[in-house]
Amino acid sequence: MGEMFRECKKLLEINIRGWKTEKLTNINSMFYDCSQLSQIDLSRLENTSS
């Protein structure tokens, strides 16, 4: 998922509730250069790795 929204300059907001993240390993640069994105709540992303 790294760079998934990279350079989405018109992205204003995103709702990540309900995303299943058990297998998520990389969010590097996911929102890089999303210049209009004013806030995002990542608190629902849980790290369930042991």
Protein backbone atom coordinates (compact mmCIF):
# COMPACT_ATOMS: atom_id res chain seq x y z
CA MET A 1 0.00 0.00 0.00
CA GLY A 2 3.03 2.24 -0.02
CA GLU A 3 2.56 5.24 -2.32
CA MET A 4 -1.13 4.32 -2.79
CA PHE A 5 -2.31 7.94 -2.74
CA ARG A 6 1.01 9.53 -3.69
CA GLU A 7 0.58 12.96 -5.29
CA CYS A 8 -3.22 12.93 -5.00
CA LYS A 9 -3.20 16.69 -4.84
CA LYS A 10 -7.01 16.99 -4.85
CA LEU A 11 -7.57 14.49 -2.03
CA LEU A 12 -9.24 16.49 0.76
CA GLU A 13 -10.23 13.78 3.21
CA ILE A 14 -10.29 10.02 3.49
CA ASN A 15 -12.20 7.61 5.68
CA ILE A 16 -10.18 4.52 6.53
CA ARG A 17 -12.70 2.96 8.89
CA GLY A 18 -13.28 -0.65 8.03
CA TRP A 19 -9.94 -1.17 6.32
CA LYS A 20 -8.60 -4.62 7.11
CA THR A 21 -4.94 -4.11 7.94
CA GLU A 22 -3.84 -7.50 9.26
CA LYS A 23 -1.46 -8.02 6.33
CA LEU A 24 -0.41 -4.40 5.89
CA THR A 25 3.38 -4.13 5.98
CA ASN A 26 4.24 -0.84 4.28
CA ILE A 27 2.57 2.56 4.26
CA ASN A 28 5.74 4.39 3.30
CA SER A 29 4.90 7.53 1.29
CA MET A 30 1.21 6.56 1.23
CA PHE A 31 0.09 10.19 1.41
CA TYR A 32 3.25 11.85 0.07
CA ASP A 33 2.55 15.20 -1.59
CA CYS A 34 -1.21 15.13 -0.94
CA SER A 35 -1.05 18.87 -0.50
CA GLN A 36 -4.79 19.43 0.06
CA LEU A 37 -5.20 16.67 2.67
CA SER A 38 -5.67 18.59 5.90
CA GLN A 39 -6.04 15.74 8.39
CA ILE A 40 -6.32 12.01 8.63
CA ASP A 41 -7.11 9.80 11.59
CA LEU A 42 -4.98 6.67 11.55
CA SER A 43 -5.99 5.61 15.05
CA ARG A 44 -8.13 2.76 13.69
CA LEU A 45 -5.09 1.12 12.13
CA GLU A 46 -3.98 -1.58 14.51
CA ASN A 47 -0.71 -3.41 14.57
CA THR A 48 -1.63 -6.99 15.35
CA SER A 49 1.82 -8.40 14.52
CA SER A 50 3.59 -10.36 17.20
